Amino acid sequence: MAFDGLMTTRVVRELQPLVGARINKIHQPYALDLIFSVRAERKNVMLLASANAMYARLHLTSESTSNPSEPPMFCMMLRKHLEGGFIESIEQLGRDRVILMRVRSRNELGDEEAKKLYIELMGRHSNILLTDGQDKILDAIKHLPLSQNTFRTIMPGLQYHLPPEQDKVDPLTGDIEQTLHRIDWNAGKIDRQLLGLFSGFSPQITAEIVSRAGLSNRTSLAEAIHSVLDELTGPYYFQRLANGKERFSPVALHHGEIIEEKTFATSGDVLDAFFHQKSNRDRVKQQAADLERFIKSEYDKNILKRTKLERDLAATEKMDELKHKGELLTTYLYQLERGMKEATVVDYYDEDGKEITIALDPRFSPNENAQRYYKRYNKLKTAKIEVAKQLEKNQLEINYFESLLAQLDVASPEDIREMREELVEEGYVRERSKKKKKPLIPKLEAYQSSTGIPFFVGKNNKQNDYATFKFGRRSETWLHTKDIPGSHVIIRSDQPDETTLKEAAVVAAYYSKARESSQVPVDFTELRYVKKPSGAKPGFVIYTDQTTLYVTPDADLVQSLRTP
């Protein structure tokens, strides 16, 4: 895990301005995440603490989250004991990933009380615990009964114990050179040995130390460790590797095949960049697993149906041949008799006057055989019209579910709720609860161009319809990817400049099925030229008088243009 002891050290160092600050509000947007609204240095900041096994972290954040209508019990407990309190200290215990926040608050009677909030950032063992001044557990975001953990039972009313000591040397205060004498050079795996010797190191950091040391010996290892520790006051690094993985670090990393690198001034910025989209996507996958299965199933069913319809349509192509044979039989009735199995006649439609052999049913008269050919012709003629209608309808269904699949890739938990509502309204799924819910106005995602012009994005069909037909004004500019499922974008300007148009087009391309492509065509036109056909699916529109831009989606640019 990249959030190691060294990262914890830097984060705690950055959080020191919060000492003396007041905790205004506490939210628990997700089961294992907490947001503290803190008033510090004459401004409000958001402190995020997460005990999620995959995304455990603590940092200041600028990302907004939606909160549940009813706060969980742990959140209510924190509000009772910590809201209105003042942070007395934020400290790292040893070089471990355990942070202690001391808070001074008042109880219901107005008496001052000391509280402790322990934040343990240890992968699947991560936890957030509230204790009193004597370390008696008041509550924890994760309960660990005796049946699960005999060494550290975490339940309200019990005494809090720190995670067990690992007898490692603190690299920031300990004797590094002396500790390196314990390395067994014959055993190899120097990076693994360093993990066992020093606290605060992660496999990522020890791999970097070994890489910097080159041909490892005691001297080169010591120099490499010191060079890594010396960088703990520099920028934070976010890197993409050739194998598709991403990583962040409190120091520069040089090992591995790096294809892209960015630097950040604060831990909050780098951790938001690394974790926010990942954690959001993970939550969406959890919340929308059944929804995604349904949409994918419906999409696949419609693809299969299209194959069958196309096969039926191909079968109708021989209807002209049937009509042709019926006409020839009618013409040559006088030459034919009942009981014949076939008739060979001159094809007067052929320029060369070639003969054609027509199969007959001996059970029927020549006239009845001719009528049977006409009947089959008329049947196929009717079928062709019906199949064409079905194909058109089928294509609309495919386009609809294709757009829903594209929306799932960038959906937030709130977007998932609106997508469920949409499918209920369209009659695809049943309402889970029979309770009537108050209809909510869709919330559009807000952006601002480099030139200061605001524009807004609909990330699902409900939001798209709202943006295009209720939110936007007729003279404003509307954007959408050309012939590709995607979002509707509204520029809040009658005459947007070229920069705004290009940036809004990049956002439109990013929130489309073509987000991984380059040179994506994006149409823009005035909103007055955008119409919704009668009976059309949500999010479906037709438009005219458009101009096409070609842009390449850029996730970093999209993120930089977002407004809180």
Protein backbone atom coordinates (compact mmCIF):
# COMPACT_ATOMS: atom_id res chain seq x y z
CA MET A 1 0.00 0.00 0.00
CA ALA A 2 1.35 3.44 -0.98
CA PHE A 3 -0.12 5.18 2.07
CA ASP A 4 2.77 4.14 4.29
CA GLY A 5 4.36 5.57 7.44
CA LEU A 6 6.34 8.18 5.49
CA MET A 7 3.20 9.39 3.73
CA THR A 8 1.44 9.49 7.12
CA THR A 9 4.29 11.62 8.47
CA ARG A 10 3.91 14.18 5.71
CA VAL A 11 0.12 14.26 5.99
CA VAL A 12 0.25 14.82 9.77
CA ARG A 13 2.82 17.56 9.21
CA GLU A 14 0.48 19.29 6.74
CA LEU A 15 -2.49 19.00 9.12
CA GLN A 16 -0.80 20.95 11.93
CA PRO A 17 -2.55 24.23 10.94
CA LEU A 18 -5.79 22.49 12.05
CA VAL A 19 -4.57 22.40 15.66
CA GLY A 20 -6.80 24.84 17.56
CA ALA A 21 -9.47 24.71 14.83
CA ARG A 22 -13.14 24.07 15.54
CA ILE A 23 -15.03 21.03 14.22
CA ASN A 24 -18.25 22.46 12.78
CA LYS A 25 -19.92 19.45 11.21
CA ILE A 26 -19.34 15.74 10.72
CA HIS A 27 -20.76 13.67 7.87
CA GLN A 28 -20.51 9.99 6.98
CA PRO A 29 -21.28 9.86 3.23
CA TYR A 30 -20.31 6.17 2.98
CA ALA A 31 -20.11 3.28 5.42
CA LEU A 32 -16.35 3.68 6.07
CA ASP A 33 -15.75 7.34 5.17
CA LEU A 34 -15.99 10.44 7.35
CA ILE A 35 -15.92 14.11 6.38
CA PHE A 36 -15.05 16.70 9.05
CA SER A 37 -15.94 20.29 8.27
CA VAL A 38 -13.31 22.30 10.16
CA ARG A 39 -12.99 26.06 10.62
CA ALA A 40 -9.28 26.85 10.46
CA GLU A 41 -7.40 30.04 9.63
CA ARG A 42 -10.64 31.93 8.83
CA LYS A 43 -11.82 29.43 6.27
CA ASN A 44 -13.70 26.14 6.16
CA VAL A 45 -11.81 23.05 5.09
CA MET A 46 -12.92 19.44 4.60
CA LEU A 47 -10.95 16.69 6.30
CA LEU A 48 -11.54 13.21 4.88
CA ALA A 49 -10.86 10.08 6.96
CA SER A 50 -11.46 6.67 5.40
CA ALA A 51 -11.20 3.17 6.87
CA ASN A 52 -11.93 1.52 3.53
CA ALA A 53 -9.61 -1.48 3.06
CA MET A 54 -8.68 -0.40 -0.49
CA TYR A 55 -8.68 3.38 0.01
CA ALA A 56 -7.70 3.98 3.66
CA ARG A 57 -6.41 7.53 4.01
CA LEU A 58 -6.54 10.87 5.87
CA HIS A 59 -6.19 14.21 4.10
CA LEU A 60 -7.78 17.54 3.29
CA THR A 61 -10.07 17.26 0.29
CA SER A 62 -11.74 19.56 -2.19
CA GLU A 63 -14.05 16.88 -3.59
CA SER A 64 -17.73 17.20 -2.76
CA THR A 65 -19.82 14.22 -1.69
CA SER A 66 -23.54 13.64 -1.21
CA ASN A 67 -24.66 12.63 2.26
CA PRO A 68 -27.39 10.15 3.24
CA SER A 69 -30.69 11.54 4.48
CA GLU A 70 -30.20 9.78 7.82
CA PRO A 71 -26.72 9.70 9.38
CA PRO A 72 -25.35 6.32 10.56
CA MET A 73 -25.04 5.61 14.27
CA PHE A 74 -21.28 6.15 14.35
CA CYS A 75 -21.69 9.54 12.72
CA MET A 76 -24.31 10.51 15.32
CA MET A 77 -21.93 9.41 18.08
CA LEU A 78 -19.15 11.58 16.66
CA ARG A 79 -21.50 14.54 16.35
CA LYS A 80 -22.53 14.15 19.96
CA HIS A 81 -18.97 14.12 21.27
CA LEU A 82 -16.91 16.09 18.75
CA GLU A 83 -19.08 18.71 17.02
CA GLY A 84 -18.27 22.14 18.35
CA GLY A 85 -15.04 20.82 19.86
CA PHE A 86 -11.52 22.13 19.25
CA ILE A 87 -8.63 20.06 17.91
CA GLU A 88 -5.84 20.04 20.49
CA SER A 89 -3.33 17.96 18.56
CA ILE A 90 -2.84 15.72 15.54
CA GLU A 91 0.03 13.30 15.89
CA GLN A 92 1.45 10.16 14.36
CA LEU A 93 2.13 7.36 16.82
CA GLY A 94 5.68 6.21 16.16
CA ARG A 95 6.28 5.85 12.44
CA ASP A 96 3.20 3.67 12.06
CA ARG A 97 0.03 4.40 10.12
CA VAL A 98 -1.88 5.33 13.28
CA ILE A 99 -2.95 8.95 13.78
CA LEU A 100 -4.26 10.34 17.06
CA MET A 101 -6.47 13.43 17.02
CA ARG A 102 -7.14 14.91 20.47
CA VAL A 103 -10.31 16.98 20.75
CA ARG A 104 -11.53 19.19 23.60
CA SER A 105 -15.31 19.50 23.68
CA ARG A 106 -18.19 20.09 26.08
CA ASN A 107 -20.87 17.61 27.13
CA GLU A 108 -24.61 18.23 27.55
CA LEU A 109 -24.00 19.83 30.94
CA GLY A 110 -21.39 22.22 29.56
CA ASP A 111 -18.43 20.50 31.20
CA GLU A 112 -15.20 20.22 29.24
CA GLU A 113 -14.23 16.74 28.16
CA ALA A 114 -11.20 15.28 26.44
CA LYS A 115 -11.81 12.90 23.54
CA LYS A 116 -9.45 10.94 21.33
CA LEU A 117 -10.02 9.91 17.73
CA TYR A 118 -7.72 7.13 16.55
CA ILE A 119 -7.41 6.74 12.78
CA GLU A 120 -5.73 3.46 11.81
CA LEU A 121 -4.75 3.28 8.14
CA MET A 122 -3.65 -0.33 7.83
CA GLY A 123 -5.28 -1.85 4.75
CA ARG A 124 -8.01 -4.35 5.61
CA HIS A 125 -7.32 -3.71 9.31
CA SER A 126 -8.11 0.01 8.96
CA ASN A 127 -10.42 1.52 11.55
CA ILE A 128 -11.57 4.78 13.11
CA LEU A 129 -12.21 4.75 16.86
CA LEU A 130 -13.54 7.30 19.33
CA THR A 131 -12.38 7.01 22.94
CA ASP A 132 -12.62 9.10 26.09
CA GLY A 133 -9.60 10.64 27.79
CA GLN A 134 -8.70 7.30 29.41
CA ASP A 135 -8.83 5.36 26.12
CA LYS A 136 -12.14 3.68 26.85
CA ILE A 137 -13.79 2.93 23.49
CA LEU A 138 -17.00 4.89 22.95
CA ASP A 139 -17.55 3.54 19.44
CA ALA A 140 -15.72 2.46 16.28
CA ILE A 141 -16.56 2.52 12.58
CA LYS A 142 -15.70 -1.22 12.55
CA HIS A 143 -16.50 -3.48 15.51
CA LEU A 144 -14.20 -6.45 16.14
CA PRO A 145 -15.76 -8.87 18.66
CA LEU A 146 -13.74 -11.44 20.58
CA SER A 147 -14.72 -14.13 18.06
CA GLN A 148 -12.90 -12.21 15.29
CA ASN A 149 -9.89 -10.87 17.16
CA THR A 150 -8.69 -12.19 20.48
CA PHE A 151 -5.73 -9.80 20.77
CA ARG A 152 -7.52 -6.52 19.96
CA THR A 153 -11.22 -6.73 20.64
CA ILE A 154 -12.82 -3.47 19.51
CA MET A 155 -16.25 -2.93 21.02
CA PRO A 156 -17.84 0.00 22.89
CA GLY A 157 -16.97 -0.02 26.59
CA LEU A 158 -13.67 -1.89 26.23
CA GLN A 159 -10.18 -0.47 26.67
CA TYR A 160 -8.39 0.61 23.52
CA HIS A 161 -5.06 -1.00 22.73
CA LEU A 162 -2.68 0.11 20.04
CA PRO A 163 -1.74 -2.34 17.28
CA PRO A 164 1.11 -4.65 18.40
CA GLU A 165 4.68 -3.33 18.27
CA GLN A 166 6.80 -4.70 15.44
CA ASP A 167 10.23 -3.94 16.89
CA LYS A 168 11.36 -1.89 13.90
CA VAL A 169 13.71 1.08 13.74
CA ASP A 170 12.32 4.55 13.00
CA PRO A 171 14.35 5.71 9.98
CA LEU A 172 13.85 9.40 10.88
CA THR A 173 15.21 9.13 14.40
CA GLY A 174 17.09 5.83 14.56
CA ASP A 175 20.62 4.84 13.56
CA ILE A 176 20.28 3.76 9.94
CA GLU A 177 23.89 2.63 9.47
CA GLN A 178 23.81 0.50 12.61
CA THR A 179 20.49 -1.09 11.63
CA LEU A 180 21.90 -2.08 8.22
CA HIS A 181 24.39 -4.35 9.97
CA ARG A 182 21.46 -6.74 10.55
CA ILE A 183 21.05 -7.40 6.82
CA ASP A 184 21.90 -10.91 5.65
CA TRP A 185 23.61 -10.26 2.30
CA ASN A 186 23.58 -13.96 1.40
CA ALA A 187 19.78 -14.23 1.78
CA GLY A 188 19.08 -11.70 -1.00
CA LYS A 189 15.71 -9.89 -1.30
CA ILE A 190 17.18 -6.76 0.23
CA ASP A 191 13.94 -4.80 -0.25
CA ARG A 192 12.02 -7.38 1.82
CA GLN A 193 14.69 -7.26 4.54
CA LEU A 194 14.47 -3.46 4.68
CA LEU A 195 10.72 -3.79 5.24
CA GLY A 196 11.40 -5.96 8.27
CA LEU A 197 14.01 -3.59 9.70
CA PHE A 198 12.53 -0.09 9.33
CA SER A 199 9.10 1.22 10.29
CA GLY A 200 7.23 3.51 7.95
CA PHE A 201 8.54 1.90 4.76
CA SER A 202 6.28 0.33 2.14
CA PRO A 203 7.34 -2.17 -0.57
CA GLN A 204 7.20 0.76 -2.98
CA ILE A 205 9.73 2.77 -0.96
CA THR A 206 12.10 -0.16 -0.32
CA ALA A 207 12.06 -1.01 -4.05
CA GLU A 208 13.04 2.62 -4.74
CA ILE A 209 15.85 2.48 -2.14
CA VAL A 210 17.29 -0.70 -3.69
CA SER A 211 16.97 0.87 -7.16
CA ARG A 212 18.88 3.99 -6.05
CA ALA A 213 21.53 1.94 -4.26
CA GLY A 214 22.38 0.04 -7.46
CA LEU A 215 24.93 -2.63 -6.59
CA SER A 216 23.81 -2.85 -2.96
CA ASN A 217 26.22 -2.64 -0.06
CA ARG A 218 25.93 -1.11 3.37
CA THR A 219 27.23 2.28 2.25
CA SER A 220 25.11 2.58 -0.92
CA LEU A 221 21.96 1.47 0.93
CA ALA A 222 22.51 4.04 3.68
CA GLU A 223 23.02 6.79 1.09
CA ALA A 224 19.89 5.71 -0.78
CA ILE A 225 17.80 5.74 2.42
CA HIS A 226 19.09 9.22 3.34
CA SER A 227 18.38 10.52 -0.19
CA VAL A 228 14.77 9.24 0.06
CA LEU A 229 14.25 10.78 3.50
CA ASP A 230 15.73 14.09 2.35
CA GLU A 231 12.93 14.36 -0.24
CA LEU A 232 10.15 14.28 2.35
CA THR A 233 9.89 18.06 2.14
CA GLY A 234 9.53 18.14 -1.64
CA PRO A 235 6.51 17.68 -3.93
CA TYR A 236 4.25 14.64 -4.09
CA TYR A 237 4.39 12.41 -7.16
CA PHE A 238 1.65 10.76 -9.17
CA GLN A 239 2.82 8.33 -11.86
CA ARG A 240 1.33 6.10 -14.55
CA LEU A 241 3.27 2.99 -15.51
CA ALA A 242 3.50 1.11 -18.78
CA ASN A 243 1.61 -1.83 -17.26
CA GLY A 244 -1.43 0.41 -16.76
CA LYS A 245 -1.00 0.80 -12.99
CA GLU A 246 -0.94 4.12 -11.15
CA ARG A 247 0.94 5.06 -7.98
CA PHE A 248 1.58 8.03 -5.73
CA SER A 249 4.44 8.72 -3.38
CA PRO A 250 5.75 11.35 -0.94
CA VAL A 251 9.12 11.13 -2.74
CA ALA A 252 10.23 10.76 -6.36
CA LEU A 253 10.15 7.17 -7.65
CA HIS A 254 12.46 6.09 -10.47
CA HIS A 255 11.99 2.30 -10.63
CA GLY A 256 9.50 0.83 -13.07
CA GLU A 257 8.63 1.95 -16.62
CA ILE A 258 7.08 5.39 -16.03
CA ILE A 259 5.05 6.80 -18.96
CA GLU A 260 3.52 9.84 -17.24
CA GLU A 261 4.39 11.81 -14.12
CA LYS A 262 2.75 14.72 -12.30
CA THR A 263 3.74 16.57 -9.18
CA PHE A 264 1.49 18.07 -6.52
CA ALA A 265 2.19 20.59 -3.79
CA THR A 266 -0.05 19.05 -1.12
CA SER A 267 -1.06 15.59 0.04
CA GLY A 268 -4.73 16.47 -0.43
CA ASP A 269 -4.20 17.21 -4.12
CA VAL A 270 -2.29 14.02 -4.91
CA LEU A 271 -4.61 11.80 -2.84
CA ASP A 272 -7.73 13.33 -4.43
CA ALA A 273 -6.19 12.72 -7.86
CA PHE A 274 -5.34 9.12 -7.02
CA PHE A 275 -8.23 7.95 -4.87
CA HIS A 276 -11.35 9.97 -5.68
CA GLN A 277 -12.24 8.52 -9.06
CA LYS A 278 -11.10 5.02 -8.03
CA SER A 279 -13.17 4.97 -4.84
CA ASN A 280 -16.16 6.56 -6.60
CA ARG A 281 -16.01 3.99 -9.39
CA ASP A 282 -15.72 1.17 -6.88
CA ARG A 283 -18.75 2.39 -4.94
CA VAL A 284 -20.74 2.80 -8.13
CA LYS A 285 -19.83 -0.77 -9.13
CA GLN A 286 -21.04 -2.03 -5.77
CA GLN A 287 -24.26 -0.02 -5.84
CA ALA A 288 -24.98 -0.58 -9.50
CA ALA A 289 -23.92 -4.19 -9.96
CA ASP A 290 -27.52 -5.36 -10.47
CA LEU A 291 -28.29 -2.32 -12.63
CA GLU A 292 -25.25 -2.92 -14.83
CA ARG A 293 -26.18 -6.60 -15.24
CA PHE A 294 -29.74 -5.65 -16.26
CA ILE A 295 -28.64 -3.01 -18.77
CA LYS A 296 -25.99 -5.32 -20.26
CA SER A 297 -28.54 -8.17 -20.47
CA GLU A 298 -31.09 -5.95 -22.25
CA TYR A 299 -28.41 -4.67 -24.61
CA ASP A 300 -27.29 -8.22 -25.49
CA LYS A 301 -30.93 -9.33 -25.98
CA ASN A 302 -31.52 -6.50 -28.42
CA ILE A 303 -28.32 -7.29 -30.32
CA LEU A 304 -29.49 -10.91 -30.68
CA LYS A 305 -32.95 -9.73 -31.76
CA ARG A 306 -31.38 -7.52 -34.42
CA THR A 307 -29.53 -10.53 -35.85
CA LYS A 308 -32.80 -12.46 -36.12
CA LEU A 309 -34.62 -9.50 -37.67
CA GLU A 310 -31.86 -9.02 -40.24
CA ARG A 311 -32.16 -12.71 -41.11
CA ASP A 312 -35.93 -12.29 -41.55
CA LEU A 313 -35.36 -9.23 -43.70
CA ALA A 314 -32.93 -11.13 -45.90
CA ALA A 315 -35.60 -13.82 -46.39
CA THR A 316 -37.97 -11.22 -47.82
CA GLU A 317 -35.55 -10.43 -50.64
CA LYS A 318 -36.92 -13.39 -52.70
CA MET A 319 -40.48 -11.99 -52.69
CA ASP A 320 -40.01 -10.40 -56.16
CA GLU A 321 -39.02 -13.82 -57.46
CA LEU A 322 -42.26 -15.32 -56.08
CA LYS A 323 -44.31 -12.55 -57.72
CA HIS A 324 -42.46 -13.15 -60.99
CA LYS A 325 -43.26 -16.88 -60.94
CA GLY A 326 -46.90 -16.22 -60.05
CA GLU A 327 -47.27 -13.91 -63.04
CA LEU A 328 -45.68 -16.45 -65.42
CA LEU A 329 -47.96 -19.24 -64.19
CA THR A 330 -51.00 -17.00 -64.67
CA THR A 331 -49.90 -16.26 -68.23
CA TYR A 332 -49.35 -19.90 -69.18
CA LEU A 333 -52.33 -21.46 -67.40
CA TYR A 334 -53.67 -22.82 -70.66
CA GLN A 335 -50.55 -24.96 -71.07
CA LEU A 336 -50.67 -26.48 -67.58
CA GLU A 337 -52.64 -29.35 -66.03
CA ARG A 338 -53.38 -30.57 -62.52
CA GLY A 339 -50.91 -33.15 -61.26
CA MET A 340 -47.83 -31.52 -62.82
CA LYS A 341 -44.78 -31.25 -60.49
CA GLU A 342 -43.12 -28.48 -62.44
CA ALA A 343 -43.72 -26.19 -65.39
CA THR A 344 -41.13 -25.07 -67.93
CA VAL A 345 -42.21 -21.85 -69.63
CA VAL A 346 -40.66 -19.01 -71.58
CA ASP A 347 -39.70 -16.06 -69.33
CA TYR A 348 -41.01 -13.11 -71.32
CA TYR A 349 -39.25 -10.73 -68.86
CA ASP A 350 -35.90 -12.09 -70.06
CA GLU A 351 -34.36 -10.26 -73.04
CA ASP A 352 -33.11 -13.49 -74.54
CA GLY A 353 -36.42 -15.29 -74.00
CA LYS A 354 -34.87 -18.03 -71.85
CA GLU A 355 -37.00 -20.76 -70.37
CA ILE A 356 -37.58 -21.03 -66.60
CA THR A 357 -38.69 -24.06 -64.58
CA ILE A 358 -41.25 -23.39 -61.83
CA ALA A 359 -41.99 -25.93 -59.09
CA LEU A 360 -45.67 -26.92 -58.74
CA ASP A 361 -47.65 -28.82 -56.14
CA PRO A 362 -49.44 -31.64 -57.98
CA ARG A 363 -52.27 -31.57 -55.42
CA PHE A 364 -53.44 -28.18 -56.69
CA SER A 365 -54.66 -26.86 -60.01
CA PRO A 366 -52.38 -24.56 -62.08
CA ASN A 367 -54.43 -21.50 -61.02
CA GLU A 368 -54.22 -22.51 -57.33
CA ASN A 369 -50.43 -22.90 -57.68
CA ALA A 370 -50.21 -19.40 -59.16
CA GLN A 371 -52.32 -18.00 -56.30
CA ARG A 372 -50.06 -19.74 -53.76
CA TYR A 373 -47.07 -17.89 -55.23
CA TYR A 374 -48.99 -14.58 -55.02
CA LYS A 375 -49.99 -15.34 -51.44
CA ARG A 376 -46.40 -16.02 -50.37
CA TYR A 377 -45.34 -12.82 -52.15
CA ASN A 378 -47.93 -10.72 -50.31
CA LYS A 379 -46.98 -12.33 -47.00
CA LEU A 380 -43.32 -11.46 -47.46
CA LYS A 381 -44.24 -7.95 -48.65
CA THR A 382 -46.18 -7.33 -45.42
CA ALA A 383 -43.41 -8.97 -43.39
CA LYS A 384 -40.80 -6.71 -44.96
CA ILE A 385 -42.65 -3.58 -43.85
CA GLU A 386 -43.16 -4.99 -40.34
CA VAL A 387 -39.56 -6.21 -40.02
CA ALA A 388 -38.31 -2.78 -41.13
CA LYS A 389 -40.43 -1.18 -38.39
CA GLN A 390 -39.15 -3.70 -35.84
CA LEU A 391 -35.56 -3.07 -36.92
CA GLU A 392 -35.99 0.67 -36.46
CA LYS A 393 -37.50 0.14 -33.01
CA ASN A 394 -34.79 -2.36 -32.14
CA GLN A 395 -32.05 0.09 -33.14
CA LEU A 396 -33.54 2.75 -30.85
CA GLU A 397 -33.49 0.23 -27.98
CA ILE A 398 -29.86 -0.65 -28.74
CA ASN A 399 -28.91 3.05 -28.84
CA TYR A 400 -30.74 3.62 -25.55
CA PHE A 401 -29.04 0.82 -23.62
CA GLU A 402 -25.72 1.66 -25.24
CA SER A 403 -26.04 5.20 -23.88
CA LEU A 404 -26.88 3.83 -20.41
CA LEU A 405 -23.77 1.63 -20.47
CA ALA A 406 -21.66 4.65 -21.43
CA GLN A 407 -23.20 6.68 -18.59
CA LEU A 408 -22.40 3.96 -16.04
CA ASP A 409 -18.67 4.43 -16.72
CA VAL A 410 -18.69 7.99 -15.36
CA ALA A 411 -21.68 7.78 -13.00
CA SER A 412 -21.61 8.91 -9.39
CA PRO A 413 -23.74 7.22 -6.70
CA GLU A 414 -26.32 10.00 -7.15
CA ASP A 415 -26.40 9.38 -10.90
CA ILE A 416 -27.15 5.70 -10.23
CA ARG A 417 -30.26 6.66 -8.25
CA GLU A 418 -31.53 8.78 -11.16
CA MET A 419 -30.82 6.00 -13.66
CA ARG A 420 -32.86 3.56 -11.56
CA GLU A 421 -35.73 6.05 -11.47
CA GLU A 422 -35.52 6.45 -15.24
CA LEU A 423 -35.76 2.69 -15.85
CA VAL A 424 -38.76 2.50 -13.51
CA GLU A 425 -40.47 5.37 -15.35
CA GLU A 426 -39.77 3.72 -18.71
CA GLY A 427 -41.30 0.47 -17.46
CA TYR A 428 -38.16 -1.66 -17.67
CA VAL A 429 -37.90 -2.42 -13.95
CA ARG A 430 -40.27 -2.40 -11.00
CA GLU A 431 -40.14 0.15 -8.26
CA ARG A 432 -38.31 -1.31 -5.25
CA SER A 433 -40.35 0.61 -2.75
CA LYS A 434 -44.01 1.49 -3.08
CA LYS A 435 -43.45 4.69 -1.11
CA LYS A 436 -43.99 7.77 -3.19
CA LYS A 437 -40.80 9.76 -3.37
CA LYS A 438 -40.68 13.49 -3.81
CA PRO A 439 -39.32 14.19 -7.30
CA LEU A 440 -35.94 15.87 -7.10
CA ILE A 441 -34.55 18.36 -9.58
CA PRO A 442 -31.55 16.75 -11.32
CA LYS A 443 -28.24 18.30 -10.33
CA LEU A 444 -25.95 19.13 -13.22
CA GLU A 445 -22.17 19.02 -12.94
CA ALA A 446 -20.76 22.54 -13.12
CA TYR A 447 -17.63 23.65 -14.99
CA GLN A 448 -15.94 26.91 -15.79
CA SER A 449 -13.80 27.56 -18.85
CA SER A 450 -10.35 29.14 -18.74
CA THR A 451 -11.96 32.41 -19.84
CA GLY A 452 -14.45 32.35 -16.96
CA ILE A 453 -17.62 31.20 -18.78
CA PRO A 454 -19.66 28.57 -16.89
CA PHE A 455 -21.02 25.47 -18.58
CA PHE A 456 -22.98 22.48 -17.30
CA VAL A 457 -23.03 18.74 -18.03
CA GLY A 458 -25.78 16.14 -17.81
CA LYS A 459 -24.27 12.75 -16.87
CA ASN A 460 -27.41 10.67 -17.39
CA ASN A 461 -30.61 10.86 -19.44
CA LYS A 462 -32.64 12.58 -16.73
CA GLN A 463 -29.98 15.23 -16.36
CA ASN A 464 -29.63 15.53 -20.14
CA ASP A 465 -33.35 16.17 -20.62
CA TYR A 466 -33.38 18.66 -17.75
CA ALA A 467 -30.30 20.48 -19.06
CA THR A 468 -31.57 20.73 -22.64
CA PHE A 469 -35.27 21.46 -22.17
CA LYS A 470 -35.58 23.15 -18.78
CA PHE A 471 -32.24 24.50 -17.64
CA GLY A 472 -30.81 25.92 -20.85
CA ARG A 473 -32.02 29.04 -22.67
CA ARG A 474 -32.84 29.04 -26.41
CA SER A 475 -29.91 31.30 -27.33
CA GLU A 476 -27.30 29.32 -25.38
CA THR A 477 -24.88 26.84 -26.94
CA TRP A 478 -25.56 23.11 -26.79
CA LEU A 479 -22.91 20.40 -27.40
CA HIS A 480 -23.01 16.64 -27.94
CA THR A 481 -20.71 14.03 -29.47
CA LYS A 482 -21.64 13.34 -33.09
CA ASP A 483 -23.42 9.96 -33.51
CA ILE A 484 -21.89 8.72 -30.24
CA PRO A 485 -23.78 8.18 -26.94
CA GLY A 486 -22.81 10.89 -24.49
CA SER A 487 -23.73 13.84 -22.31
CA HIS A 488 -25.52 17.06 -23.19
CA VAL A 489 -23.43 20.15 -22.42
CA ILE A 490 -24.89 23.65 -22.01
CA ILE A 491 -22.66 26.73 -22.23
CA ARG A 492 -24.13 29.62 -20.24
CA SER A 493 -23.38 32.17 -22.94
CA ASP A 494 -25.02 33.41 -26.13
CA GLN A 495 -21.64 33.94 -27.79
CA PRO A 496 -19.00 31.69 -26.22
CA ASP A 497 -15.38 32.26 -27.22
CA GLU A 498 -13.32 29.67 -29.07
CA THR A 499 -11.50 28.52 -25.91
CA THR A 500 -14.77 27.87 -24.07
CA LEU A 501 -16.19 25.97 -27.04
CA LYS A 502 -13.11 23.77 -27.27
CA GLU A 503 -12.99 23.07 -23.52
CA ALA A 504 -16.71 22.31 -23.37
CA ALA A 505 -16.25 19.98 -26.35
CA VAL A 506 -13.44 18.16 -24.49
CA VAL A 507 -15.78 17.68 -21.51
CA ALA A 508 -18.56 16.45 -23.83
CA ALA A 509 -16.15 13.96 -25.42
CA TYR A 510 -14.92 12.81 -22.01
CA TYR A 511 -18.46 12.08 -20.84
CA SER A 512 -19.22 9.92 -23.88
CA LYS A 513 -18.59 6.42 -25.12
CA ALA A 514 -15.54 7.73 -26.98
CA ARG A 515 -13.65 8.96 -23.90
CA GLU A 516 -10.69 6.67 -24.67
CA SER A 517 -10.49 7.79 -28.30
CA SER A 518 -8.76 10.70 -30.00
CA GLN A 519 -10.13 13.28 -32.43
CA VAL A 520 -13.71 12.77 -31.25
CA PRO A 521 -16.31 14.72 -33.31
CA VAL A 522 -18.45 17.02 -31.15
CA ASP A 523 -21.38 18.98 -32.60
CA PHE A 524 -22.46 22.33 -31.22
CA THR A 525 -25.48 24.46 -32.07
CA GLU A 526 -27.86 26.92 -30.47
CA LEU A 527 -30.34 25.32 -28.11
CA ARG A 528 -33.25 26.58 -30.24
CA TYR A 529 -32.29 24.04 -32.92
CA VAL A 530 -32.48 21.04 -30.54
CA LYS A 531 -35.80 19.17 -30.51
CA LYS A 532 -37.15 16.03 -28.87
CA PRO A 533 -39.19 13.79 -31.20
CA SER A 534 -42.58 12.70 -29.97
CA GLY A 535 -42.38 9.48 -27.95
CA ALA A 536 -38.58 9.46 -27.94
CA LYS A 537 -36.56 7.82 -25.15
CA PRO A 538 -35.08 10.01 -22.38
CA GLY A 539 -31.96 11.80 -23.53
CA PHE A 540 -32.73 11.34 -27.26
CA VAL A 541 -32.88 14.51 -29.38
CA ILE A 542 -32.54 15.68 -32.96
CA TYR A 543 -30.79 18.90 -33.96
CA THR A 544 -29.87 21.04 -36.96
CA ASP A 545 -27.57 23.96 -37.89
CA GLN A 546 -24.64 22.30 -36.13
CA THR A 547 -20.90 22.83 -36.43
CA THR A 548 -18.45 20.01 -35.70
CA LEU A 549 -15.28 20.24 -33.61
CA TYR A 550 -12.68 17.48 -33.28
CA VAL A 551 -11.15 17.14 -29.83
CA THR A 552 -9.27 14.59 -27.73
CA PRO A 553 -10.68 13.87 -24.22
CA ASP A 554 -8.34 14.94 -21.42
CA ALA A 555 -9.16 13.78 -17.87
CA ASP A 556 -6.79 16.30 -16.29
CA LEU A 557 -8.32 19.21 -18.16
CA VAL A 558 -11.83 18.04 -17.21
CA GLN A 559 -10.81 17.86 -13.56
CA SER A 560 -9.21 21.31 -13.62
CA LEU A 561 -12.34 22.93 -15.10
CA ARG A 562 -14.75 21.47 -12.53
CA THR A 563 -16.22 23.86 -10.00
CA PRO A 564 -17.15 22.69 -6.48
